[in-house]
N, C-alpha and C. Protein backbone atom coordinates (compact mmCIF):
# COMPACT_ATOMS: atom_id res chain seq x y z
N MET A 1 -9.98 10.74 9.41
CA MET A 1 -9.71 11.20 8.35
C MET A 1 -10.85 10.97 7.30
N ARG A 2 -11.55 11.99 6.70
CA ARG A 2 -12.83 11.27 5.87
C ARG A 2 -12.17 10.84 4.42
N ARG A 3 -11.77 11.86 4.09
CA ARG A 3 -10.95 11.73 2.86
C ARG A 3 -9.57 12.50 2.31
N ALA A 4 -8.89 11.74 1.54
CA ALA A 4 -7.55 12.03 1.09
C ALA A 4 -7.69 11.96 -0.26
N ALA A 5 -7.09 12.67 -0.95
CA ALA A 5 -7.41 12.73 -2.49
C ALA A 5 -6.06 12.66 -3.54
N LEU A 6 -5.98 11.98 -4.61
CA LEU A 6 -4.92 11.70 -5.14
C LEU A 6 -5.21 12.00 -6.64
N ARG A 7 -4.90 12.77 -6.95
CA ARG A 7 -5.02 13.25 -8.72
C ARG A 7 -3.78 13.08 -9.34
N LEU A 8 -3.35 12.25 -10.37
CA LEU A 8 -2.25 12.37 -11.35
C LEU A 8 -2.73 12.84 -12.63
N SER A 9 -2.12 13.92 -12.80
CA SER A 9 -2.53 14.68 -14.75
C SER A 9 -1.34 14.61 -14.92
N ALA A 10 -1.50 14.64 -16.53
CA ALA A 10 -0.15 14.83 -17.30
C ALA A 10 0.10 16.26 -17.59
N LEU A 11 1.33 16.16 -17.27
CA LEU A 11 1.96 17.49 -18.23
C LEU A 11 2.93 16.56 -19.48
N GLY A 12 3.04 17.72 -20.40
CA GLY A 12 3.57 17.35 -21.51
C GLY A 12 5.08 16.92 -21.39
N LYS A 13 5.42 16.01 -22.39
CA LYS A 13 6.63 15.60 -22.40
C LYS A 13 8.01 16.66 -22.37
N GLY A 14 8.95 16.94 -21.70
CA GLY A 14 9.87 17.69 -21.71
C GLY A 14 9.34 19.04 -20.83
N GLN A 15 8.56 18.99 -19.94
CA GLN A 15 8.07 20.10 -19.33
C GLN A 15 8.72 19.88 -17.88
N VAL A 16 9.46 19.17 -17.62
CA VAL A 16 9.84 19.18 -16.24
C VAL A 16 10.75 20.26 -15.91
N THR A 17 10.61 21.29 -15.01
CA THR A 17 11.26 22.49 -15.03
C THR A 17 12.49 22.18 -14.04
N PRO A 18 13.78 22.98 -14.12
CA PRO A 18 14.97 22.45 -13.68
C PRO A 18 14.55 22.86 -11.99
N GLY A 19 15.11 21.88 -11.63
CA GLY A 19 15.04 21.92 -9.93
C GLY A 19 14.05 21.06 -9.46
N ARG A 20 13.05 20.73 -10.28
CA ARG A 20 11.99 20.25 -9.93
C ARG A 20 11.99 18.50 -10.68
N GLY A 21 12.49 18.36 -11.58
CA GLY A 21 12.67 17.03 -12.25
C GLY A 21 13.64 16.34 -11.93
N LEU A 22 13.85 15.31 -12.32
CA LEU A 22 15.44 14.79 -12.26
C LEU A 22 16.45 15.26 -13.27
N THR A 23 17.55 15.38 -12.62
CA THR A 23 18.67 15.98 -13.39
C THR A 23 19.44 14.87 -14.26
N GLN A 24 19.82 15.03 -15.18
CA GLN A 24 20.86 14.22 -15.69
C GLN A 24 22.10 13.88 -14.95
N GLY A 25 22.94 12.86 -14.65
CA GLY A 25 24.19 12.36 -13.86
C GLY A 25 23.65 12.09 -12.67
N PRO A 26 25.01 11.54 -12.10
CA PRO A 26 25.12 11.17 -10.65
C PRO A 26 24.24 11.98 -10.05
N GLN A 27 23.45 11.25 -9.07
CA GLN A 27 22.82 12.49 -7.94
C GLN A 27 23.07 12.02 -6.48
N ASN A 28 23.25 12.68 -5.51
CA ASN A 28 23.44 12.51 -4.29
C ASN A 28 21.83 12.81 -3.47
N PRO A 29 20.88 11.93 -2.99
CA PRO A 29 19.83 12.56 -2.58
C PRO A 29 19.70 13.12 -1.18
N LYS A 30 20.55 13.06 -0.34
CA LYS A 30 21.01 13.64 0.74
C LYS A 30 21.38 15.20 0.54
N LYS A 31 22.20 15.27 -0.21
CA LYS A 31 22.64 16.63 -0.46
C LYS A 31 21.32 17.45 -1.07
N GLN A 32 20.61 16.94 -1.79
CA GLN A 32 19.33 17.81 -2.45
C GLN A 32 18.18 17.82 -1.28
N GLY A 33 18.53 17.03 -0.16
CA GLY A 33 17.06 16.97 0.64
C GLY A 33 15.79 15.92 0.31
N ILE A 34 16.28 14.92 -0.41
CA ILE A 34 15.44 14.40 -1.16
C ILE A 34 15.49 13.19 -0.15
N PHE A 35 14.19 12.32 0.35
CA PHE A 35 14.19 11.29 1.12
C PHE A 35 14.49 9.82 0.12
N HIS A 36 14.99 8.87 0.62
CA HIS A 36 14.90 7.52 -0.14
C HIS A 36 13.62 7.09 -0.12
N ILE A 37 13.10 6.08 -0.85
CA ILE A 37 11.72 5.42 -0.79
C ILE A 37 11.59 4.74 0.57
N HIS A 38 12.95 3.79 0.67
CA HIS A 38 12.44 3.07 1.92
C HIS A 38 12.37 4.19 3.24
N GLU A 39 13.01 5.27 3.17
CA GLU A 39 12.62 6.25 4.24
C GLU A 39 11.17 6.37 4.75
N VAL A 40 10.41 6.20 3.70
CA VAL A 40 9.18 6.84 3.82
C VAL A 40 8.54 5.86 4.59
N ARG A 41 8.57 4.87 4.83
CA ARG A 41 7.84 3.56 5.30
C ARG A 41 8.61 3.30 6.63
N ASP A 42 9.70 3.80 6.91
CA ASP A 42 10.41 3.81 8.29
C ASP A 42 9.84 5.03 8.87
N LYS A 43 9.93 6.21 8.26
CA LYS A 43 9.30 7.64 8.74
C LYS A 43 7.82 6.97 9.39
N LEU A 44 7.00 6.54 8.62
CA LEU A 44 5.51 6.08 9.05
C LEU A 44 5.61 5.41 10.09
N ARG A 45 6.22 4.19 10.09
CA ARG A 45 6.43 3.43 11.23
C ARG A 45 6.85 4.20 12.65
N GLU A 46 7.93 4.96 12.67
CA GLU A 46 8.11 5.75 13.79
C GLU A 46 6.99 6.47 14.12
N ILE A 47 6.54 7.19 13.23
CA ILE A 47 5.09 8.39 13.57
C ILE A 47 4.21 7.56 14.21
N VAL A 48 3.96 6.20 13.53
CA VAL A 48 2.68 5.75 14.01
C VAL A 48 3.20 4.68 15.28
N GLY A 49 4.21 4.45 15.42
CA GLY A 49 4.67 3.48 16.92
C GLY A 49 4.53 2.22 16.33
N ALA A 50 4.49 1.78 14.78
CA ALA A 50 4.32 -0.10 14.39
C ALA A 50 5.22 -0.22 14.53
N SER A 51 5.29 -1.69 14.81
CA SER A 51 6.48 -2.71 14.60
C SER A 51 6.58 -3.89 13.88
N THR A 52 7.68 -4.48 14.00
CA THR A 52 7.79 -6.01 13.08
C THR A 52 7.40 -7.08 14.19
N ASN A 53 7.25 -6.96 15.52
CA ASN A 53 6.61 -8.33 16.01
C ASN A 53 5.75 -7.95 17.39
N TRP A 54 4.99 -8.64 17.43
CA TRP A 54 3.84 -8.50 18.45
C TRP A 54 4.15 -8.02 19.70
N ARG A 55 5.16 -8.29 20.55
CA ARG A 55 5.51 -7.70 21.98
C ARG A 55 5.69 -6.31 21.86
N ASP A 56 6.53 -5.94 20.61
CA ASP A 56 6.62 -4.38 20.53
C ASP A 56 5.51 -3.47 20.04
N HIS A 57 4.45 -4.32 19.39
CA HIS A 57 3.48 -3.84 18.64
C HIS A 57 2.14 -3.61 19.88
N VAL A 58 2.21 -4.31 21.01
CA VAL A 58 1.27 -4.03 22.23
C VAL A 58 1.70 -3.01 23.10
N LYS A 59 3.03 -2.93 22.98
CA LYS A 59 3.81 -1.84 23.94
C LYS A 59 3.44 -0.42 23.35
N ALA A 60 3.26 -0.12 21.92
CA ALA A 60 3.51 0.75 21.12
C ALA A 60 2.09 1.22 21.23
N MET A 61 0.69 0.24 21.27
CA MET A 61 -0.58 0.72 21.22
C MET A 61 -0.52 0.99 22.76
N GLU A 62 0.02 0.57 23.70
CA GLU A 62 -0.14 1.16 25.00
C GLU A 62 0.45 2.63 25.16
N GLU A 63 1.28 3.17 24.51
CA GLU A 63 1.78 4.45 24.57
C GLU A 63 1.26 5.10 23.71
N ARG A 64 0.44 4.60 22.67
CA ARG A 64 -0.38 5.43 21.86
C ARG A 64 -1.58 6.05 22.74
N LYS A 65 -2.17 5.22 23.55
CA LYS A 65 -3.17 5.49 24.48
C LYS A 65 -2.88 7.16 25.18
N LEU A 66 -1.68 6.86 25.33
CA LEU A 66 -1.11 8.30 25.96
C LEU A 66 -1.04 9.31 25.18
N LEU A 67 -1.02 9.30 24.14
CA LEU A 67 -1.30 10.51 23.46
C LEU A 67 -1.94 11.25 22.98
N HIS A 68 -3.28 11.09 23.85
CA HIS A 68 -4.21 11.63 23.61
C HIS A 68 -4.07 13.35 24.37
N SER A 69 -3.42 13.19 25.24
CA SER A 69 -3.26 14.39 25.76
C SER A 69 -2.72 15.70 24.26
N PHE A 70 -2.08 15.11 23.58
CA PHE A 70 -1.42 16.20 22.48
C PHE A 70 -2.73 16.29 21.76
N LEU A 71 -3.76 16.24 21.86
CA LEU A 71 -4.62 16.35 20.63
C LEU A 71 -5.26 17.81 20.87
N ALA A 72 -5.61 18.66 20.34
CA ALA A 72 -5.90 19.92 20.24
C ALA A 72 -7.45 19.96 20.74
N LYS A 73 -7.91 20.78 21.58
CA LYS A 73 -9.24 20.71 22.19
C LYS A 73 -10.23 21.52 21.42
N SER A 74 -9.80 22.50 20.35
CA SER A 74 -10.37 23.14 19.70
C SER A 74 -9.72 23.69 18.23
N GLN A 75 -10.52 23.89 17.22
CA GLN A 75 -9.76 24.47 16.07
C GLN A 75 -8.78 25.40 16.25
N ASP A 76 -9.31 26.19 17.40
CA ASP A 76 -8.56 27.51 17.70
C ASP A 76 -6.94 26.91 18.10
N GLY A 77 -6.78 26.11 18.83
CA GLY A 77 -5.66 25.35 19.55
C GLY A 77 -5.15 24.97 18.27
N LEU A 78 -5.03 24.67 17.02
CA LEU A 78 -4.16 24.39 16.14
C LEU A 78 -3.30 25.34 15.43
N PRO A 79 -2.04 25.05 15.39
CA PRO A 79 -1.06 26.04 14.94
C PRO A 79 -1.28 26.38 13.43
N PRO A 80 -1.00 27.47 12.82
CA PRO A 80 -1.12 27.88 11.51
C PRO A 80 0.02 26.74 10.81
N ARG A 81 -0.44 26.30 9.49
CA ARG A 81 -0.11 25.56 8.85
C ARG A 81 0.32 26.27 7.55
N ARG A 82 1.19 26.09 6.57
CA ARG A 82 1.65 26.52 5.51
C ARG A 82 1.75 24.83 4.03
N MET A 83 1.47 25.30 3.17
CA MET A 83 1.61 24.03 2.33
C MET A 83 3.12 23.83 2.32
N LYS A 84 4.22 24.30 2.14
CA LYS A 84 5.15 23.83 2.01
C LYS A 84 5.67 23.28 3.61
N ASP A 85 4.79 23.37 4.82
CA ASP A 85 5.40 22.68 5.82
C ASP A 85 4.84 21.31 5.76
N SER A 86 4.33 21.01 5.00
CA SER A 86 4.06 19.54 4.56
C SER A 86 4.85 18.86 3.02
N TYR A 87 5.59 19.61 2.30
CA TYR A 87 6.33 19.60 1.26
C TYR A 87 7.46 18.53 1.38
N ILE A 88 7.45 17.66 0.47
CA ILE A 88 8.40 16.62 0.58
C ILE A 88 8.69 16.06 -0.91
N GLU A 89 9.95 15.69 -1.24
CA GLU A 89 10.50 14.73 -2.03
C GLU A 89 11.21 13.81 -1.73
N VAL A 90 10.86 12.57 -2.54
CA VAL A 90 11.28 11.29 -2.46
C VAL A 90 11.71 10.74 -3.85
N LEU A 91 12.84 10.23 -3.68
CA LEU A 91 13.44 9.03 -4.73
C LEU A 91 13.52 7.84 -4.94
N LEU A 92 13.01 7.47 -6.16
CA LEU A 92 12.92 5.75 -6.00
C LEU A 92 14.07 5.59 -7.21
N PRO A 93 14.89 5.03 -6.65
CA PRO A 93 15.72 5.18 -7.55
C PRO A 93 16.09 3.69 -8.30
N LEU A 94 15.02 3.59 -9.61
CA LEU A 94 15.47 2.46 -10.21
C LEU A 94 16.40 2.46 -11.50
N GLY A 95 16.86 3.30 -11.57
CA GLY A 95 17.87 3.39 -12.77
C GLY A 95 19.46 3.13 -11.95
N SER A 96 19.40 3.71 -10.39
CA SER A 96 20.94 3.76 -10.02
C SER A 96 21.07 2.62 -9.06
N GLU A 97 19.82 1.82 -8.75
CA GLU A 97 20.15 0.72 -7.80
C GLU A 97 19.23 -0.56 -8.28
N PRO A 98 20.21 -1.05 -8.82
CA PRO A 98 19.67 -2.40 -9.69
C PRO A 98 19.28 -3.46 -8.89
N GLU A 99 19.31 -3.55 -7.64
CA GLU A 99 18.72 -4.59 -6.69
C GLU A 99 17.61 -4.08 -6.43
N LEU A 100 17.35 -2.68 -6.23
CA LEU A 100 15.69 -2.00 -5.95
C LEU A 100 14.97 -2.27 -7.06
N ARG A 101 15.86 -2.22 -8.20
CA ARG A 101 14.85 -2.28 -9.74
C ARG A 101 14.19 -3.59 -9.55
N GLU A 102 14.67 -4.81 -9.22
CA GLU A 102 14.42 -6.32 -9.44
C GLU A 102 12.85 -6.15 -8.66
N LYS A 103 12.58 -5.61 -7.54
CA LYS A 103 11.46 -5.98 -6.93
C LYS A 103 9.97 -4.67 -7.67
N TYR A 104 10.43 -3.93 -8.34
CA TYR A 104 9.57 -3.26 -9.40
C TYR A 104 9.37 -3.74 -10.86
N LEU A 105 9.96 -5.01 -10.98
CA LEU A 105 9.77 -5.37 -12.58
C LEU A 105 8.63 -6.63 -12.31
N THR A 106 7.91 -6.34 -13.78
CA THR A 106 7.23 -7.46 -14.18
C THR A 106 7.51 -8.72 -14.88
N VAL A 107 7.29 -9.48 -15.13
CA VAL A 107 7.87 -10.75 -15.74
C VAL A 107 8.11 -10.23 -17.66
N GLN A 108 7.40 -8.89 -18.01
CA GLN A 108 7.71 -8.47 -19.29
C GLN A 108 8.79 -7.22 -19.11
N ASN A 109 9.12 -7.12 -17.93
CA ASN A 109 10.51 -6.34 -17.78
C ASN A 109 9.84 -4.66 -17.90
N THR A 110 8.63 -4.50 -17.36
CA THR A 110 8.06 -3.38 -17.35
C THR A 110 7.93 -3.09 -15.70
N VAL A 111 7.82 -1.65 -15.25
CA VAL A 111 7.65 -1.33 -13.87
C VAL A 111 6.18 -1.81 -13.47
N ARG A 112 6.16 -2.20 -12.25
CA ARG A 112 5.01 -2.57 -11.73
C ARG A 112 4.11 -1.40 -11.27
N PHE A 113 2.90 -1.08 -11.88
CA PHE A 113 2.40 0.17 -11.33
C PHE A 113 1.59 0.04 -9.87
N GLY A 114 1.19 -1.21 -9.50
CA GLY A 114 0.65 -1.43 -8.40
C GLY A 114 1.76 -1.17 -7.21
N ARG A 115 2.87 -1.15 -7.80
CA ARG A 115 3.75 -1.17 -6.62
C ARG A 115 3.93 0.54 -6.41
N ILE A 116 4.13 0.97 -7.45
CA ILE A 116 4.27 2.64 -7.33
C ILE A 116 2.91 3.17 -6.74
N LEU A 117 1.87 2.25 -6.89
CA LEU A 117 0.74 3.12 -6.22
C LEU A 117 0.79 2.94 -4.61
N GLU A 118 1.39 1.99 -4.17
CA GLU A 118 1.57 1.42 -2.99
C GLU A 118 2.71 2.84 -2.39
N ASP A 119 3.73 2.85 -3.13
CA ASP A 119 4.62 4.19 -2.71
C ASP A 119 3.69 5.44 -2.65
N LEU A 120 3.11 5.64 -3.61
CA LEU A 120 2.23 6.80 -3.47
C LEU A 120 1.21 7.06 -2.24
N ASP A 121 0.90 5.73 -1.99
CA ASP A 121 -0.15 5.75 -0.92
C ASP A 121 0.56 6.00 0.26
N SER A 122 2.00 5.43 0.50
CA SER A 122 2.54 5.68 1.99
C SER A 122 2.87 7.03 1.82
N LEU A 123 3.50 8.03 0.62
CA LEU A 123 4.00 8.68 0.51
C LEU A 123 2.97 10.13 1.12
N GLY A 124 1.61 9.65 0.83
CA GLY A 124 0.42 10.45 0.79
C GLY A 124 0.31 10.82 2.20
N VAL A 125 0.05 9.31 3.04
CA VAL A 125 0.12 9.38 4.44
C VAL A 125 1.00 10.23 5.15
N LEU A 126 2.29 9.87 4.69
CA LEU A 126 3.65 10.81 5.40
C LEU A 126 3.37 12.01 5.45
N ILE A 127 2.80 12.36 4.23
CA ILE A 127 2.60 14.02 3.67
C ILE A 127 1.53 14.35 4.86
N CYS A 128 0.19 13.67 4.95
CA CYS A 128 -0.85 14.41 6.09
C CYS A 128 -0.01 14.53 7.41
N TYR A 129 0.63 13.47 7.78
CA TYR A 129 1.43 13.33 8.95
C TYR A 129 2.32 14.48 9.27
N MET A 130 3.08 14.69 8.42
CA MET A 130 3.81 16.13 8.40
C MET A 130 3.21 17.30 8.34
N HIS A 131 2.06 17.30 7.96
CA HIS A 131 1.07 18.64 8.18
C HIS A 131 0.71 18.65 9.49
N ASN A 132 0.37 17.63 9.85
CA ASN A 132 -0.30 17.41 11.33
C ASN A 132 0.86 17.26 12.61
N LYS A 133 1.99 17.40 12.26
CA LYS A 133 3.07 17.34 13.24
C LYS A 133 2.78 17.88 14.41
N ILE A 134 3.24 17.58 15.50
CA ILE A 134 3.25 18.14 16.79
C ILE A 134 4.51 17.92 17.40
N HIS A 135 5.43 18.85 17.61
CA HIS A 135 6.70 19.02 18.02
C HIS A 135 7.05 18.22 19.23
N SER A 136 5.94 18.27 19.85
CA SER A 136 6.54 17.79 21.37
C SER A 136 6.54 16.63 21.51
N ALA A 137 6.27 15.89 20.57
CA ALA A 137 5.84 14.43 20.58
C ALA A 137 6.51 13.47 19.34
N LYS A 138 6.67 12.63 19.91
CA LYS A 138 7.81 11.73 18.72
C LYS A 138 6.65 10.87 17.58
N MET A 139 5.47 10.36 18.57
CA MET A 139 4.77 9.41 17.99
C MET A 139 3.21 10.53 17.92
N SER A 140 2.39 10.52 16.64
CA SER A 140 1.35 11.41 16.47
C SER A 140 0.34 10.60 17.20
N PRO A 141 -0.65 11.27 17.48
CA PRO A 141 -2.06 10.74 18.11
C PRO A 141 -3.01 10.20 17.46
N LEU A 142 -2.89 10.89 15.89
CA LEU A 142 -3.84 10.63 14.89
C LEU A 142 -3.78 9.26 14.17
N SER A 143 -4.79 8.98 13.49
CA SER A 143 -4.60 7.99 12.42
C SER A 143 -5.50 8.18 11.41
N ILE A 144 -4.69 8.27 10.34
CA ILE A 144 -4.69 8.85 9.13
C ILE A 144 -4.65 7.57 8.40
N VAL A 145 -5.65 7.82 7.10
CA VAL A 145 -5.85 6.57 5.92
C VAL A 145 -6.34 7.48 4.87
N THR A 146 -5.91 6.62 3.82
CA THR A 146 -6.21 7.01 2.25
C THR A 146 -7.68 6.79 1.94
N ALA A 147 -8.49 7.40 1.83
CA ALA A 147 -10.04 7.22 1.63
C ALA A 147 -10.07 7.06 0.25
N LEU A 148 -9.56 7.71 -0.67
CA LEU A 148 -9.98 7.69 -2.22
C LEU A 148 -8.65 8.40 -2.89
N VAL A 149 -8.66 7.70 -3.98
CA VAL A 149 -7.86 8.24 -5.17
C VAL A 149 -8.75 9.08 -6.19
N ASP A 150 -8.76 10.34 -6.38
CA ASP A 150 -9.32 11.15 -6.86
C ASP A 150 -9.51 11.09 -8.73
N LYS A 151 -7.98 11.10 -8.93
CA LYS A 151 -7.57 10.87 -10.43
C LYS A 151 -6.40 10.61 -10.85
N ILE A 152 -6.13 9.80 -11.67
CA ILE A 152 -4.61 9.72 -12.19
C ILE A 152 -4.53 10.00 -13.64
N ASP A 153 -3.64 10.64 -14.22
CA ASP A 153 -3.82 10.94 -15.46
C ASP A 153 -1.99 10.69 -15.59
N MET A 154 -1.65 9.76 -16.98
CA MET A 154 -0.33 9.59 -17.16
C MET A 154 -0.07 10.28 -18.45
N CYS A 155 1.00 10.86 -18.91
CA CYS A 155 1.18 11.21 -20.43
C CYS A 155 2.07 9.92 -21.03
N LYS A 156 2.24 8.79 -20.42
CA LYS A 156 2.93 7.81 -21.13
C LYS A 156 2.35 6.37 -20.52
N LYS A 157 2.37 5.35 -21.26
CA LYS A 157 1.46 4.21 -20.64
C LYS A 157 2.20 3.32 -19.95
N SER A 158 3.68 3.48 -20.07
CA SER A 158 4.43 2.72 -19.14
C SER A 158 5.70 3.46 -18.68
N LEU A 159 6.51 3.11 -17.20
CA LEU A 159 7.56 3.69 -17.06
C LEU A 159 8.66 3.07 -17.52
N SER A 160 9.78 3.62 -17.39
CA SER A 160 11.11 3.16 -17.79
C SER A 160 11.87 2.46 -16.07
N PRO A 161 12.13 1.20 -16.46
CA PRO A 161 12.64 0.67 -15.29
C PRO A 161 14.01 0.93 -15.19
N GLU A 162 14.50 1.42 -16.19
CA GLU A 162 16.24 1.83 -15.98
C GLU A 162 16.48 3.21 -15.62
N GLN A 163 15.36 4.31 -15.42
CA GLN A 163 15.50 5.56 -14.83
C GLN A 163 14.82 6.08 -13.70
N ASP A 164 15.60 6.93 -12.60
CA ASP A 164 14.88 6.99 -11.36
C ASP A 164 13.71 7.70 -11.70
N ILE A 165 12.88 7.46 -10.54
CA ILE A 165 11.61 8.43 -10.49
C ILE A 165 11.62 8.98 -9.14
N LYS A 166 11.15 10.36 -9.51
CA LYS A 166 11.35 11.27 -8.30
C LYS A 166 9.65 11.74 -7.95
N PHE A 167 9.23 11.36 -6.54
CA PHE A 167 7.52 12.04 -6.17
C PHE A 167 8.02 13.39 -5.01
N SER A 168 6.97 14.11 -5.44
CA SER A 168 6.89 15.16 -4.68
C SER A 168 5.51 15.35 -4.08
N GLY A 169 5.29 16.09 -3.14
CA GLY A 169 4.12 16.18 -2.84
C GLY A 169 3.92 17.10 -1.56
N HIS A 170 2.12 17.57 -1.23
CA HIS A 170 2.46 18.51 -0.17
C HIS A 170 0.59 18.47 -0.01
N VAL A 171 0.41 18.71 1.08
CA VAL A 171 -1.18 19.22 1.64
C VAL A 171 -1.54 20.24 0.70
N SER A 172 -2.65 20.08 -0.05
CA SER A 172 -3.24 21.19 -0.74
C SER A 172 -4.65 21.84 -0.37
N TRP A 173 -5.40 21.20 0.72
CA TRP A 173 -6.49 21.66 1.20
C TRP A 173 -6.61 20.74 2.84
N VAL A 174 -7.48 21.69 3.60
CA VAL A 174 -7.52 20.52 4.73
C VAL A 174 -8.79 21.20 5.31
N GLY A 175 -9.74 20.40 5.71
CA GLY A 175 -10.96 20.68 6.51
C GLY A 175 -11.05 20.39 7.87
N LYS A 176 -12.13 19.87 8.55
CA LYS A 176 -12.07 19.88 10.12
C LYS A 176 -11.82 18.29 9.94
N THR A 177 -12.01 17.26 9.11
CA THR A 177 -11.83 15.77 9.41
C THR A 177 -11.19 15.29 8.30
N SER A 178 -10.88 15.87 6.87
CA SER A 178 -10.20 15.64 6.07
C SER A 178 -9.39 16.50 5.33
N MET A 179 -8.60 16.11 4.58
CA MET A 179 -7.43 16.89 4.03
C MET A 179 -7.37 16.04 2.08
N GLU A 180 -6.64 17.08 1.22
CA GLU A 180 -6.37 16.53 0.29
C GLU A 180 -4.73 16.48 0.06
N VAL A 181 -4.21 15.83 -0.60
CA VAL A 181 -2.67 16.13 -1.07
C VAL A 181 -2.42 15.78 -2.43
N LYS A 182 -1.61 16.81 -2.88
CA LYS A 182 -0.96 16.89 -4.30
C LYS A 182 0.05 16.10 -4.25
N MET A 183 0.20 15.39 -5.16
CA MET A 183 1.35 14.77 -5.66
C MET A 183 2.14 14.75 -6.50
N GLN A 184 3.04 14.72 -7.33
CA GLN A 184 3.68 14.46 -8.81
C GLN A 184 4.60 13.58 -8.60
N MET A 185 4.72 13.06 -9.89
CA MET A 185 5.99 12.06 -9.89
C MET A 185 6.57 12.45 -11.41
N PHE A 186 7.91 12.53 -11.27
CA PHE A 186 8.64 12.75 -12.62
C PHE A 186 9.74 11.84 -12.93
N GLN A 187 9.92 11.30 -13.90
CA GLN A 187 10.60 10.87 -14.70
C GLN A 187 11.47 10.75 -16.15
N ALA A 188 12.78 11.71 -15.95
CA ALA A 188 13.59 12.05 -17.20
C ALA A 188 12.73 12.30 -18.06
N GLY A 189 12.33 13.55 -18.36
CA GLY A 189 12.11 13.87 -19.36
C GLY A 189 10.32 13.32 -19.53
N ILE A 190 9.92 12.75 -18.54
CA ILE A 190 8.20 12.43 -18.69
C ILE A 190 7.84 12.99 -17.36
N CYS A 191 6.58 13.42 -16.98
CA CYS A 191 6.22 14.32 -16.01
C CYS A 191 4.69 13.46 -15.84
N LYS A 192 4.45 13.34 -14.69
CA LYS A 192 2.92 12.84 -14.27
C LYS A 192 2.67 13.72 -12.86
N SER A 193 1.42 14.36 -12.86
CA SER A 193 1.25 15.29 -12.10
C SER A 193 -0.13 14.42 -10.90
N THR A 194 -0.02 14.72 -9.61
CA THR A 194 -1.03 14.23 -8.90
C THR A 194 -1.66 15.42 -8.02
N HIS A 195 -2.96 15.58 -8.09
CA HIS A 195 -3.82 16.89 -7.27
C HIS A 195 -5.01 16.49 -7.30
N PRO A 196 -5.73 17.03 -6.02
CA PRO A 196 -7.05 16.63 -5.71
C PRO A 196 -7.61 17.54 -7.02
């Protein structure tokens, strides 16, 4: 993959539309079809075949060599895809899970934006894998990396560590060797948008 772009652009305060932003009150992400942030990296490990110990890693790399037969021989061999095929929503429950919040805090009690960027990077790669999903294979024969972040716009300088954040995104453009991903980040009344 040559290029995956991420752009965060600002939308005004209070412009979170119903159903797309965070709602007030307790939420059950499973009922809404929203993934937990931990599930993003777990799903990536499953798709790529990565493991936490060396023995399993060597075995997974051997299995990946067998996946080349799943690659399309030409562009005509690829199934048609729509933007909604790669659409995903992910919840980062900073407000509702205090133990998780601790991992995202700086010494000034603000949210570590670098950690948010790591989550967005993982989410962007997962979105690309979802777009290229091969239903007959558990693991993907592709290797996808983020090549660049095009732009990040925020309508507030810092995020609240006491409110949940919802990420959403989908593939917005695809070429022969690259694709662009649009992602958005919402936090109760504050909205950040990502698009190439």
